[in-house]
Amino acid sequence: MAELIRAFIAIELDDALYRALADLQTQLGRERAARGVRWVASDNIHVTLKFLGDVESSRLPDLRRALADACAGAPPFTLTLSGVGAFPNTRRPNVLWVGAEGQVEIAAQLARQIDAACAALGFAREERPFAPHLTLGRVKRDASPNDRQSIGAMIANAQVGALGDLRVERVSMMRSELKPGGSVYTRLYVVELKNNGTRNT
């Protein structure tokens, strides 16, 4: 039986942005309300283009070809990480995120192409339109309504400007493994946007 790999397609960040996000988490973590938040390890933060779920390892070569086809002709682009928010909203926050501005439509078009390529292989299509964001943390499940209200107010009142530019020149196929200490992400391979080829790393 083929091994199951929990996989997703993402844009990875550079070291400067990882540091900026870690600093932001530290800044927000000083707030009293932040006790109700489980922060994502800063070096795990990324922009998800497509979550695939459990994939048989034997399907990875087909996915690789589909991803290369979806990225063919897609130009490199730049996103500016800026501002914070919450899903579904700051009144009932579950997920805390940093937003992205700049060439968002190019990113959205790339996400649509990847979604279509994966759908052709039988993967479920995304139900929501692509909105580039980076997950900073998640509200703890046992957080009380008051805790959630405080966390929402913390995010609504946070003054967060531009954190830096993310130059996107490649897309990564990632593996997610759930470990006792949290999720561990491993890059399986990348597809370059600038030369439409693939490269092992």
N, C-alpha and C. Protein backbone atom coordinates (compact mmCIF):
# COMPACT_ATOMS: atom_id res chain seq x y z
N MET A 1 0.84 -1.20 0.00
CA MET A 1 0.00 0.00 0.00
C MET A 1 0.88 1.25 0.00
N ALA A 2 0.53 2.21 -0.85
CA ALA A 2 1.35 3.42 -0.97
C ALA A 2 1.29 4.23 0.32
N GLU A 3 2.41 4.85 0.63
CA GLU A 3 2.48 5.72 1.81
C GLU A 3 1.62 6.96 1.58
N LEU A 4 0.91 7.39 2.62
CA LEU A 4 0.12 8.61 2.54
C LEU A 4 0.94 9.78 3.05
N ILE A 5 0.97 10.83 2.27
CA ILE A 5 1.71 12.03 2.62
C ILE A 5 0.72 13.20 2.68
N ARG A 6 0.73 13.89 3.81
CA ARG A 6 -0.12 15.09 3.95
C ARG A 6 0.61 16.23 3.25
N ALA A 7 0.03 16.74 2.18
CA ALA A 7 0.78 17.66 1.32
C ALA A 7 0.02 18.96 1.07
N PHE A 8 0.79 20.00 0.77
CA PHE A 8 0.20 21.26 0.35
C PHE A 8 1.21 22.00 -0.53
N ILE A 9 0.69 22.94 -1.30
CA ILE A 9 1.52 23.74 -2.22
C ILE A 9 1.57 25.15 -1.66
N ALA A 10 2.77 25.71 -1.54
CA ALA A 10 2.91 26.97 -0.81
C ALA A 10 4.00 27.86 -1.39
N ILE A 11 3.95 29.11 -0.96
CA ILE A 11 5.03 30.06 -1.19
C ILE A 11 5.79 30.17 0.12
N GLU A 12 7.08 29.87 0.08
CA GLU A 12 7.90 29.99 1.28
C GLU A 12 8.45 31.42 1.40
N LEU A 13 8.91 31.75 2.59
CA LEU A 13 9.39 33.10 2.87
C LEU A 13 10.92 33.12 2.97
N ASP A 14 11.48 34.33 2.99
CA ASP A 14 12.92 34.43 3.22
C ASP A 14 13.18 34.70 4.71
N ASP A 15 14.45 34.62 5.09
CA ASP A 15 14.81 34.72 6.51
C ASP A 15 14.40 36.05 7.12
N ALA A 16 14.51 37.13 6.34
CA ALA A 16 14.16 38.45 6.87
C ALA A 16 12.68 38.52 7.24
N LEU A 17 11.83 37.91 6.43
CA LEU A 17 10.39 37.92 6.72
C LEU A 17 10.07 36.99 7.89
N TYR A 18 10.75 35.86 7.99
CA TYR A 18 10.55 35.00 9.16
C TYR A 18 10.86 35.78 10.44
N ARG A 19 11.95 36.55 10.41
CA ARG A 19 12.33 37.33 11.60
C ARG A 19 11.29 38.40 11.89
N ALA A 20 10.79 39.07 10.84
CA ALA A 20 9.78 40.13 11.03
C ALA A 20 8.51 39.55 11.63
N LEU A 21 8.11 38.36 11.18
CA LEU A 21 6.90 37.73 11.72
C LEU A 21 7.11 37.28 13.16
N ALA A 22 8.32 36.77 13.46
CA ALA A 22 8.63 36.36 14.84
C ALA A 22 8.57 37.58 15.76
N ASP A 23 9.09 38.71 15.28
CA ASP A 23 9.05 39.94 16.09
C ASP A 23 7.61 40.38 16.33
N LEU A 24 6.77 40.25 15.30
CA LEU A 24 5.36 40.63 15.44
C LEU A 24 4.67 39.71 16.45
N GLN A 25 4.96 38.42 16.38
CA GLN A 25 4.37 37.49 17.35
C GLN A 25 4.80 37.84 18.77
N THR A 26 6.06 38.21 18.93
CA THR A 26 6.57 38.60 20.26
C THR A 26 5.85 39.85 20.74
N GLN A 27 5.68 40.81 19.83
CA GLN A 27 5.00 42.07 20.18
C GLN A 27 3.56 41.79 20.61
N LEU A 28 2.82 41.02 19.83
CA LEU A 28 1.44 40.72 20.17
C LEU A 28 1.37 39.83 21.42
N GLY A 29 2.38 38.96 21.57
CA GLY A 29 2.40 38.03 22.70
C GLY A 29 2.51 38.70 24.05
N ARG A 30 2.93 39.97 24.05
CA ARG A 30 3.03 40.71 25.32
C ARG A 30 1.65 41.15 25.82
N GLU A 31 0.67 41.13 24.92
CA GLU A 31 -0.68 41.55 25.31
C GLU A 31 -1.32 40.48 26.21
N ARG A 32 -2.09 40.94 27.15
CA ARG A 32 -2.77 40.02 28.07
C ARG A 32 -3.66 39.03 27.32
N ALA A 33 -4.33 39.52 26.28
CA ALA A 33 -5.26 38.66 25.52
C ALA A 33 -4.55 37.52 24.82
N ALA A 34 -3.24 37.67 24.58
CA ALA A 34 -2.51 36.68 23.79
C ALA A 34 -2.37 35.33 24.51
N ARG A 35 -2.73 35.28 25.78
CA ARG A 35 -2.67 34.00 26.50
C ARG A 35 -3.60 32.96 25.87
N GLY A 36 -4.61 33.45 25.16
CA GLY A 36 -5.57 32.54 24.53
C GLY A 36 -5.19 32.14 23.11
N VAL A 37 -3.94 32.46 22.71
CA VAL A 37 -3.52 32.19 21.33
C VAL A 37 -2.40 31.13 21.31
N ARG A 38 -2.51 30.20 20.37
CA ARG A 38 -1.43 29.23 20.11
C ARG A 38 -0.71 29.72 18.85
N TRP A 39 0.51 30.20 19.01
CA TRP A 39 1.24 30.81 17.89
C TRP A 39 1.86 29.74 16.99
N VAL A 40 1.85 30.00 15.70
CA VAL A 40 2.53 29.13 14.74
C VAL A 40 4.03 29.40 14.84
N ALA A 41 4.86 28.35 14.80
CA ALA A 41 6.31 28.55 14.79
C ALA A 41 6.64 29.45 13.59
N SER A 42 7.38 30.52 13.83
CA SER A 42 7.57 31.54 12.78
C SER A 42 8.19 30.96 11.51
N ASP A 43 9.08 29.97 11.65
CA ASP A 43 9.70 29.41 10.45
C ASP A 43 8.80 28.41 9.73
N ASN A 44 7.59 28.20 10.25
CA ASN A 44 6.59 27.37 9.57
C ASN A 44 5.59 28.22 8.78
N ILE A 45 5.67 29.53 8.93
CA ILE A 45 4.67 30.40 8.30
C ILE A 45 4.92 30.47 6.79
N HIS A 46 3.85 30.43 6.02
CA HIS A 46 3.95 30.42 4.56
C HIS A 46 2.64 30.93 3.98
N VAL A 47 2.61 31.12 2.67
CA VAL A 47 1.36 31.43 1.97
C VAL A 47 0.90 30.15 1.29
N THR A 48 -0.24 29.62 1.71
CA THR A 48 -0.76 28.40 1.10
C THR A 48 -1.46 28.72 -0.22
N LEU A 49 -1.05 28.02 -1.27
CA LEU A 49 -1.73 28.15 -2.56
C LEU A 49 -2.77 27.06 -2.76
N LYS A 50 -2.50 25.88 -2.21
CA LYS A 50 -3.44 24.76 -2.37
C LYS A 50 -3.14 23.72 -1.30
N PHE A 51 -4.15 23.36 -0.51
CA PHE A 51 -4.01 22.27 0.46
C PHE A 51 -4.54 21.00 -0.18
N LEU A 52 -3.72 19.96 -0.18
CA LEU A 52 -4.09 18.71 -0.87
C LEU A 52 -4.60 17.63 0.08
N GLY A 53 -4.19 17.70 1.34
CA GLY A 53 -4.58 16.64 2.28
C GLY A 53 -3.71 15.41 2.09
N ASP A 54 -4.24 14.25 2.44
CA ASP A 54 -3.47 13.01 2.36
C ASP A 54 -3.38 12.55 0.91
N VAL A 55 -2.16 12.39 0.42
CA VAL A 55 -1.89 12.03 -0.97
C VAL A 55 -1.05 10.76 -0.98
N GLU A 56 -1.42 9.79 -1.81
CA GLU A 56 -0.58 8.60 -1.96
C GLU A 56 0.74 9.00 -2.60
N SER A 57 1.85 8.52 -2.04
CA SER A 57 3.17 8.92 -2.53
C SER A 57 3.34 8.60 -4.02
N SER A 58 2.65 7.58 -4.50
CA SER A 58 2.75 7.20 -5.91
C SER A 58 2.18 8.28 -6.84
N ARG A 59 1.38 9.20 -6.29
CA ARG A 59 0.77 10.25 -7.10
C ARG A 59 1.64 11.50 -7.19
N LEU A 60 2.71 11.54 -6.42
CA LEU A 60 3.54 12.75 -6.39
C LEU A 60 4.15 13.09 -7.76
N PRO A 61 4.62 12.13 -8.56
CA PRO A 61 5.14 12.50 -9.89
C PRO A 61 4.09 13.17 -10.77
N ASP A 62 2.85 12.67 -10.73
CA ASP A 62 1.78 13.31 -11.51
C ASP A 62 1.51 14.72 -11.01
N LEU A 63 1.52 14.89 -9.69
CA LEU A 63 1.31 16.20 -9.11
C LEU A 63 2.44 17.16 -9.50
N ARG A 64 3.64 16.63 -9.54
CA ARG A 64 4.78 17.46 -9.91
C ARG A 64 4.63 17.98 -11.34
N ARG A 65 4.23 17.10 -12.24
CA ARG A 65 4.03 17.52 -13.63
C ARG A 65 2.90 18.54 -13.74
N ALA A 66 1.81 18.28 -13.00
CA ALA A 66 0.66 19.20 -13.02
C ALA A 66 1.05 20.57 -12.49
N LEU A 67 1.86 20.59 -11.42
CA LEU A 67 2.30 21.85 -10.84
C LEU A 67 3.20 22.61 -11.81
N ALA A 68 4.09 21.89 -12.47
CA ALA A 68 4.97 22.52 -13.46
C ALA A 68 4.16 23.12 -14.60
N ASP A 69 3.13 22.39 -15.05
CA ASP A 69 2.26 22.90 -16.13
C ASP A 69 1.50 24.15 -15.67
N ALA A 70 1.00 24.10 -14.42
CA ALA A 70 0.23 25.23 -13.89
C ALA A 70 1.09 26.48 -13.76
N CYS A 71 2.40 26.29 -13.48
CA CYS A 71 3.29 27.43 -13.27
C CYS A 71 3.94 27.90 -14.57
N ALA A 72 3.80 27.11 -15.64
CA ALA A 72 4.42 27.49 -16.91
C ALA A 72 3.87 28.84 -17.39
N GLY A 73 4.75 29.76 -17.64
CA GLY A 73 4.32 31.07 -18.11
C GLY A 73 3.94 32.03 -17.00
N ALA A 74 3.86 31.54 -15.76
CA ALA A 74 3.53 32.44 -14.64
C ALA A 74 4.77 33.26 -14.29
N PRO A 75 4.66 34.57 -14.25
CA PRO A 75 5.84 35.40 -13.97
C PRO A 75 6.13 35.48 -12.48
N PRO A 76 7.39 35.73 -12.11
CA PRO A 76 7.66 36.07 -10.71
C PRO A 76 6.88 37.32 -10.34
N PHE A 77 6.58 37.47 -9.05
CA PHE A 77 5.80 38.64 -8.61
C PHE A 77 6.18 38.97 -7.18
N THR A 78 5.68 40.11 -6.71
CA THR A 78 6.04 40.58 -5.37
C THR A 78 4.77 40.86 -4.56
N LEU A 79 4.77 40.36 -3.34
CA LEU A 79 3.71 40.66 -2.38
C LEU A 79 4.32 41.44 -1.22
N THR A 80 3.59 42.39 -0.69
CA THR A 80 4.01 43.11 0.51
C THR A 80 3.19 42.61 1.69
N LEU A 81 3.87 42.10 2.70
CA LEU A 81 3.16 41.62 3.89
C LEU A 81 2.81 42.81 4.76
N SER A 82 1.53 42.93 5.09
CA SER A 82 1.09 44.14 5.79
C SER A 82 -0.23 43.90 6.52
N GLY A 83 -0.32 44.43 7.73
CA GLY A 83 -1.59 44.40 8.47
C GLY A 83 -1.91 43.04 9.06
N VAL A 84 -2.80 43.04 10.04
CA VAL A 84 -3.25 41.80 10.68
C VAL A 84 -4.77 41.76 10.69
N GLY A 85 -5.30 40.56 10.79
CA GLY A 85 -6.75 40.37 10.85
C GLY A 85 -7.07 39.02 11.44
N ALA A 86 -8.34 38.65 11.38
CA ALA A 86 -8.76 37.38 11.96
C ALA A 86 -9.85 36.76 11.10
N PHE A 87 -9.83 35.44 11.04
CA PHE A 87 -10.92 34.68 10.41
C PHE A 87 -11.76 34.07 11.51
N PRO A 88 -13.10 34.02 11.40
CA PRO A 88 -13.87 34.62 10.32
C PRO A 88 -13.96 36.15 10.44
N ASN A 89 -13.79 36.68 11.66
CA ASN A 89 -13.76 38.13 11.87
C ASN A 89 -13.23 38.40 13.27
N THR A 90 -13.05 39.68 13.60
CA THR A 90 -12.48 40.00 14.91
C THR A 90 -13.50 39.88 16.04
N ARG A 91 -14.77 39.70 15.70
CA ARG A 91 -15.77 39.48 16.77
C ARG A 91 -15.74 38.03 17.25
N ARG A 92 -15.42 37.12 16.33
CA ARG A 92 -15.36 35.69 16.69
C ARG A 92 -14.07 35.09 16.10
N PRO A 93 -12.92 35.55 16.55
CA PRO A 93 -11.67 35.11 15.91
C PRO A 93 -11.33 33.64 16.18
N ASN A 94 -10.93 32.95 15.12
CA ASN A 94 -10.38 31.59 15.25
C ASN A 94 -8.93 31.54 14.80
N VAL A 95 -8.65 32.27 13.71
CA VAL A 95 -7.32 32.28 13.12
C VAL A 95 -6.84 33.73 13.01
N LEU A 96 -5.60 33.99 13.42
CA LEU A 96 -5.01 35.31 13.31
C LEU A 96 -4.03 35.31 12.14
N TRP A 97 -4.09 36.35 11.30
CA TRP A 97 -3.29 36.32 10.10
C TRP A 97 -2.65 37.67 9.79
N VAL A 98 -1.61 37.61 8.96
CA VAL A 98 -1.00 38.80 8.35
C VAL A 98 -1.45 38.81 6.89
N GLY A 99 -1.81 39.98 6.40
CA GLY A 99 -2.29 40.09 5.04
C GLY A 99 -1.18 40.32 4.03
N ALA A 100 -1.56 40.31 2.76
CA ALA A 100 -0.60 40.57 1.68
C ALA A 100 -1.22 41.55 0.70
N GLU A 101 -0.41 42.47 0.24
CA GLU A 101 -0.83 43.45 -0.76
C GLU A 101 0.13 43.37 -1.94
N GLY A 102 -0.08 44.23 -2.91
CA GLY A 102 0.82 44.24 -4.06
C GLY A 102 0.22 43.47 -5.23
N GLN A 103 1.01 42.60 -5.83
CA GLN A 103 0.58 41.89 -7.03
C GLN A 103 -0.29 40.68 -6.66
N VAL A 104 -1.37 40.98 -5.95
CA VAL A 104 -2.25 39.92 -5.43
C VAL A 104 -2.98 39.21 -6.57
N GLU A 105 -3.35 39.93 -7.62
CA GLU A 105 -4.09 39.30 -8.71
C GLU A 105 -3.23 38.27 -9.44
N ILE A 106 -1.93 38.52 -9.56
CA ILE A 106 -1.04 37.53 -10.17
C ILE A 106 -1.00 36.28 -9.30
N ALA A 107 -0.92 36.48 -7.98
CA ALA A 107 -0.92 35.35 -7.05
C ALA A 107 -2.23 34.57 -7.14
N ALA A 108 -3.34 35.31 -7.24
CA ALA A 108 -4.66 34.66 -7.32
C ALA A 108 -4.80 33.86 -8.61
N GLN A 109 -4.29 34.41 -9.71
CA GLN A 109 -4.34 33.69 -10.98
C GLN A 109 -3.51 32.41 -10.91
N LEU A 110 -2.34 32.50 -10.29
CA LEU A 110 -1.49 31.32 -10.12
C LEU A 110 -2.21 30.26 -9.28
N ALA A 111 -2.86 30.71 -8.19
CA ALA A 111 -3.60 29.78 -7.34
C ALA A 111 -4.74 29.11 -8.11
N ARG A 112 -5.41 29.87 -8.98
CA ARG A 112 -6.50 29.29 -9.79
C ARG A 112 -5.96 28.24 -10.77
N GLN A 113 -4.80 28.55 -11.37
CA GLN A 113 -4.21 27.60 -12.31
C GLN A 113 -3.79 26.31 -11.59
N ILE A 114 -3.23 26.45 -10.40
CA ILE A 114 -2.83 25.28 -9.62
C ILE A 114 -4.06 24.48 -9.20
N ASP A 115 -5.11 25.19 -8.78
CA ASP A 115 -6.35 24.52 -8.37
C ASP A 115 -6.93 23.71 -9.53
N ALA A 116 -6.93 24.31 -10.72
CA ALA A 116 -7.48 23.62 -11.90
C ALA A 116 -6.63 22.41 -12.27
N ALA A 117 -5.30 22.55 -12.18
CA ALA A 117 -4.42 21.43 -12.51
C ALA A 117 -4.60 20.27 -11.53
N CYS A 118 -4.78 20.60 -10.26
CA CYS A 118 -5.00 19.56 -9.24
C CYS A 118 -6.39 18.93 -9.41
N ALA A 119 -7.38 19.75 -9.78
CA ALA A 119 -8.74 19.24 -10.00
C ALA A 119 -8.75 18.22 -11.14
N ALA A 120 -7.91 18.45 -12.15
CA ALA A 120 -7.83 17.51 -13.28
C ALA A 120 -7.30 16.15 -12.84
N LEU A 121 -6.61 16.13 -11.69
CA LEU A 121 -6.10 14.86 -11.14
C LEU A 121 -7.07 14.27 -10.09
N GLY A 122 -8.21 14.94 -9.91
CA GLY A 122 -9.21 14.41 -9.00
C GLY A 122 -9.25 15.02 -7.62
N PHE A 123 -8.43 16.04 -7.37
CA PHE A 123 -8.45 16.71 -6.07
C PHE A 123 -9.60 17.72 -6.04
N ALA A 124 -10.20 17.85 -4.87
CA ALA A 124 -11.34 18.76 -4.73
C ALA A 124 -10.93 20.19 -5.01
N ARG A 125 -11.80 20.92 -5.68
CA ARG A 125 -11.54 22.34 -5.94
C ARG A 125 -11.73 23.15 -4.67
N GLU A 126 -11.04 24.28 -4.62
CA GLU A 126 -11.19 25.19 -3.49
C GLU A 126 -12.60 25.79 -3.51
N GLU A 127 -13.21 25.88 -2.34
CA GLU A 127 -14.57 26.43 -2.26
C GLU A 127 -14.55 27.95 -2.17
N ARG A 128 -13.49 28.49 -1.59
CA ARG A 128 -13.42 29.94 -1.40
C ARG A 128 -12.41 30.54 -2.38
N PRO A 129 -12.64 31.78 -2.80
CA PRO A 129 -11.64 32.45 -3.63
C PRO A 129 -10.34 32.64 -2.86
N PHE A 130 -9.25 32.62 -3.56
CA PHE A 130 -7.93 32.74 -2.94
C PHE A 130 -7.74 34.14 -2.33
N ALA A 131 -7.33 34.17 -1.09
CA ALA A 131 -7.01 35.43 -0.40
C ALA A 131 -5.66 35.22 0.28
N PRO A 132 -4.59 35.78 -0.28
CA PRO A 132 -3.26 35.51 0.28
C PRO A 132 -3.13 36.02 1.70
N HIS A 133 -2.70 35.13 2.60
CA HIS A 133 -2.50 35.51 3.99
C HIS A 133 -1.51 34.53 4.62
N LEU A 134 -1.01 34.89 5.78
CA LEU A 134 -0.08 34.05 6.51
C LEU A 134 -0.64 33.86 7.91
N THR A 135 -0.82 32.63 8.31
CA THR A 135 -1.39 32.34 9.63
C THR A 135 -0.35 32.56 10.72
N LEU A 136 -0.65 33.50 11.62
CA LEU A 136 0.24 33.82 12.74
C LEU A 136 -0.03 32.94 13.94
N GLY A 137 -1.31 32.64 14.17
CA GLY A 137 -1.68 31.87 15.35
C GLY A 137 -3.14 31.47 15.28
N ARG A 138 -3.52 30.58 16.20
CA ARG A 138 -4.90 30.11 16.28
C ARG A 138 -5.40 30.29 17.71
N VAL A 139 -6.63 30.69 17.82
CA VAL A 139 -7.22 30.86 19.14
C VAL A 139 -7.41 29.47 19.76
N LYS A 140 -7.01 29.34 21.01
CA LYS A 140 -7.12 28.03 21.68
C LYS A 140 -8.57 27.59 21.76
N ARG A 141 -8.78 26.30 21.60
CA ARG A 141 -10.16 25.78 21.56
C ARG A 141 -10.91 26.02 22.85
N ASP A 142 -10.20 26.06 23.97
CA ASP A 142 -10.88 26.24 25.25
C ASP A 142 -11.01 27.72 25.63
N ALA A 143 -10.70 28.62 24.69
CA ALA A 143 -10.82 30.06 24.97
C ALA A 143 -12.29 30.41 25.21
N SER A 144 -12.53 31.19 26.25
CA SER A 144 -13.90 31.59 26.58
C SER A 144 -14.36 32.67 25.61
N PRO A 145 -15.68 32.93 25.55
CA PRO A 145 -16.17 34.04 24.71
C PRO A 145 -15.49 35.37 25.05
N ASN A 146 -15.25 35.60 26.35
CA ASN A 146 -14.56 36.84 26.74
C ASN A 146 -13.13 36.86 26.22
N ASP A 147 -12.45 35.70 26.30
CA ASP A 147 -11.09 35.61 25.77
C ASP A 147 -11.09 35.96 24.29
N ARG A 148 -12.04 35.39 23.55
CA ARG A 148 -12.10 35.64 22.11
C ARG A 148 -12.35 37.12 21.82
N GLN A 149 -13.22 37.70 22.62
CA GLN A 149 -13.52 39.13 22.45
C GLN A 149 -12.25 39.97 22.66
N SER A 150 -11.47 39.60 23.69
CA SER A 150 -10.23 40.33 23.98
C SER A 150 -9.21 40.15 22.87
N ILE A 151 -9.12 38.91 22.34
CA ILE A 151 -8.18 38.64 21.24
C ILE A 151 -8.59 39.43 20.00
N GLY A 152 -9.89 39.45 19.71
CA GLY A 152 -10.38 40.21 18.57
C GLY A 152 -10.07 41.69 18.69
N ALA A 153 -10.25 42.23 19.91
CA ALA A 153 -9.95 43.65 20.14
C ALA A 153 -8.45 43.92 19.97
N MET A 154 -7.62 42.97 20.44
CA MET A 154 -6.16 43.10 20.30
C MET A 154 -5.78 43.22 18.83
N ILE A 155 -6.38 42.37 17.99
CA ILE A 155 -6.07 42.38 16.55
C ILE A 155 -6.63 43.63 15.89
N ALA A 156 -7.87 43.99 16.25
CA ALA A 156 -8.50 45.18 15.65
C ALA A 156 -7.72 46.45 15.96
N ASN A 157 -7.10 46.50 17.13
CA ASN A 157 -6.40 47.71 17.56
C ASN A 157 -4.91 47.70 17.22
N ALA A 158 -4.41 46.56 16.73
CA ALA A 158 -2.97 46.46 16.45
C ALA A 158 -2.59 47.38 15.29
N GLN A 159 -1.53 48.12 15.49
CA GLN A 159 -1.02 49.01 14.43
C GLN A 159 0.15 48.29 13.76
N VAL A 160 -0.15 47.63 12.65
CA VAL A 160 0.88 46.85 11.95
C VAL A 160 0.98 47.35 10.53
N GLY A 161 2.10 47.96 10.22
CA GLY A 161 2.33 48.45 8.86
C GLY A 161 2.96 47.36 7.99
N ALA A 162 3.68 47.78 6.97
CA ALA A 162 4.35 46.84 6.07
C ALA A 162 5.48 46.13 6.79
N LEU A 163 5.52 44.81 6.69
CA LEU A 163 6.55 44.01 7.34
C LEU A 163 7.70 43.68 6.40
N GLY A 164 7.49 43.89 5.10
CA GLY A 164 8.53 43.59 4.13
C GLY A 164 7.94 43.03 2.86
N ASP A 165 8.78 42.96 1.83
CA ASP A 165 8.34 42.45 0.53
C ASP A 165 8.73 40.98 0.37
N LEU A 166 7.82 40.24 -0.21
CA LEU A 166 8.06 38.83 -0.51
C LEU A 166 8.16 38.69 -2.02
N ARG A 167 9.36 38.44 -2.51
CA ARG A 167 9.58 38.23 -3.94
C ARG A 167 9.34 36.75 -4.23
N VAL A 168 8.34 36.47 -5.05
CA VAL A 168 7.93 35.08 -5.31
C VAL A 168 8.50 34.65 -6.65
N GLU A 169 9.47 33.74 -6.61
CA GLU A 169 10.10 33.23 -7.83
C GLU A 169 9.96 31.72 -7.96
N ARG A 170 9.37 31.10 -6.93
CA ARG A 170 9.19 29.64 -6.97
C ARG A 170 8.02 29.24 -6.09
N VAL A 171 7.52 28.07 -6.36
CA VAL A 171 6.41 27.49 -5.60
C VAL A 171 6.88 26.14 -5.06
N SER A 172 6.53 25.82 -3.84
CA SER A 172 7.03 24.60 -3.20
C SER A 172 5.91 23.59 -2.93
N MET A 173 6.22 22.33 -3.20
CA MET A 173 5.36 21.24 -2.73
C MET A 173 5.88 20.84 -1.37
N MET A 174 5.02 20.89 -0.36
CA MET A 174 5.43 20.67 1.02
C MET A 174 4.76 19.44 1.61
N ARG A 175 5.48 18.82 2.53
CA ARG A 175 4.93 17.72 3.31
C ARG A 175 4.71 18.21 4.74
N SER A 176 3.58 17.87 5.32
CA SER A 176 3.27 18.24 6.70
C SER A 176 3.18 16.97 7.54
N GLU A 177 3.95 16.92 8.61
CA GLU A 177 3.89 15.78 9.53
C GLU A 177 3.50 16.30 10.91
N LEU A 178 2.48 15.69 11.49
CA LEU A 178 2.04 16.09 12.82
C LEU A 178 2.88 15.37 13.87
N LYS A 179 3.65 16.13 14.63
CA LYS A 179 4.52 15.59 15.67
C LYS A 179 4.00 16.08 17.03
N PRO A 180 4.45 15.46 18.10
CA PRO A 180 4.00 15.89 19.43
C PRO A 180 4.24 17.38 19.68
N GLY A 181 5.32 17.93 19.12
CA GLY A 181 5.62 19.34 19.34
C GLY A 181 4.97 20.27 18.35
N GLY A 182 4.15 19.73 17.45
CA GLY A 182 3.49 20.55 16.43
C GLY A 182 3.82 20.03 15.04
N SER A 183 3.33 20.73 14.04
CA SER A 183 3.55 20.32 12.65
C SER A 183 4.99 20.59 12.23
N VAL A 184 5.54 19.64 11.47
CA VAL A 184 6.87 19.79 10.87
C VAL A 184 6.69 19.77 9.37
N TYR A 185 7.19 20.82 8.69
CA TYR A 185 7.04 20.93 7.24
C TYR A 185 8.37 20.62 6.55
N THR A 186 8.28 19.83 5.49
CA THR A 186 9.46 19.48 4.71
C THR A 186 9.19 19.81 3.25
N ARG A 187 10.14 20.49 2.61
CA ARG A 187 9.99 20.78 1.18
C ARG A 187 10.31 19.52 0.38
N LEU A 188 9.38 19.11 -0.48
CA LEU A 188 9.60 17.95 -1.33
C LEU A 188 10.29 18.35 -2.63
N TYR A 189 9.86 19.43 -3.23
CA TYR A 189 10.50 19.97 -4.43
C TYR A 189 9.94 21.35 -4.71
N VAL A 190 10.60 22.07 -5.61
CA VAL A 190 10.13 23.40 -5.99
C VAL A 190 9.95 23.47 -7.49
N VAL A 191 9.06 24.36 -7.90
CA VAL A 191 8.89 24.70 -9.31
C VAL A 191 9.21 26.18 -9.45
N GLU A 192 10.17 26.48 -10.30
CA GLU A 192 10.59 27.86 -10.52
C GLU A 192 9.57 28.57 -11.42
N LEU A 193 9.30 29.82 -11.11
CA LEU A 193 8.43 30.62 -11.96
C LEU A 193 9.22 31.28 -13.09
N LYS A 194 10.51 31.53 -12.87
CA LYS A 194 11.25 32.32 -13.88
C LYS A 194 11.67 31.50 -15.09
N ASN A 195 11.89 30.18 -14.92
CA ASN A 195 12.33 29.42 -16.09
C ASN A 195 11.40 28.26 -16.42
N ASN A 196 10.24 28.24 -15.72
CA ASN A 196 9.20 27.24 -16.00
C ASN A 196 9.70 25.81 -15.87
N GLY A 197 10.75 25.59 -15.12
CA GLY A 197 11.27 24.23 -14.95
C GLY A 197 11.13 23.80 -13.51
N THR A 198 11.56 22.60 -13.22
CA THR A 198 11.54 22.11 -11.84
C THR A 198 12.97 21.90 -11.38
N ARG A 199 13.13 21.96 -10.07
CA ARG A 199 14.47 21.79 -9.51
C ARG A 199 14.32 21.05 -8.18
N ASN A 200 15.12 20.06 -7.98
CA ASN A 200 15.12 19.35 -6.72
C ASN A 200 15.93 20.13 -5.70
N THR A 201 15.46 20.16 -4.47
CA THR A 201 16.25 20.77 -3.39
C THR A 201 16.21 19.87 -2.18
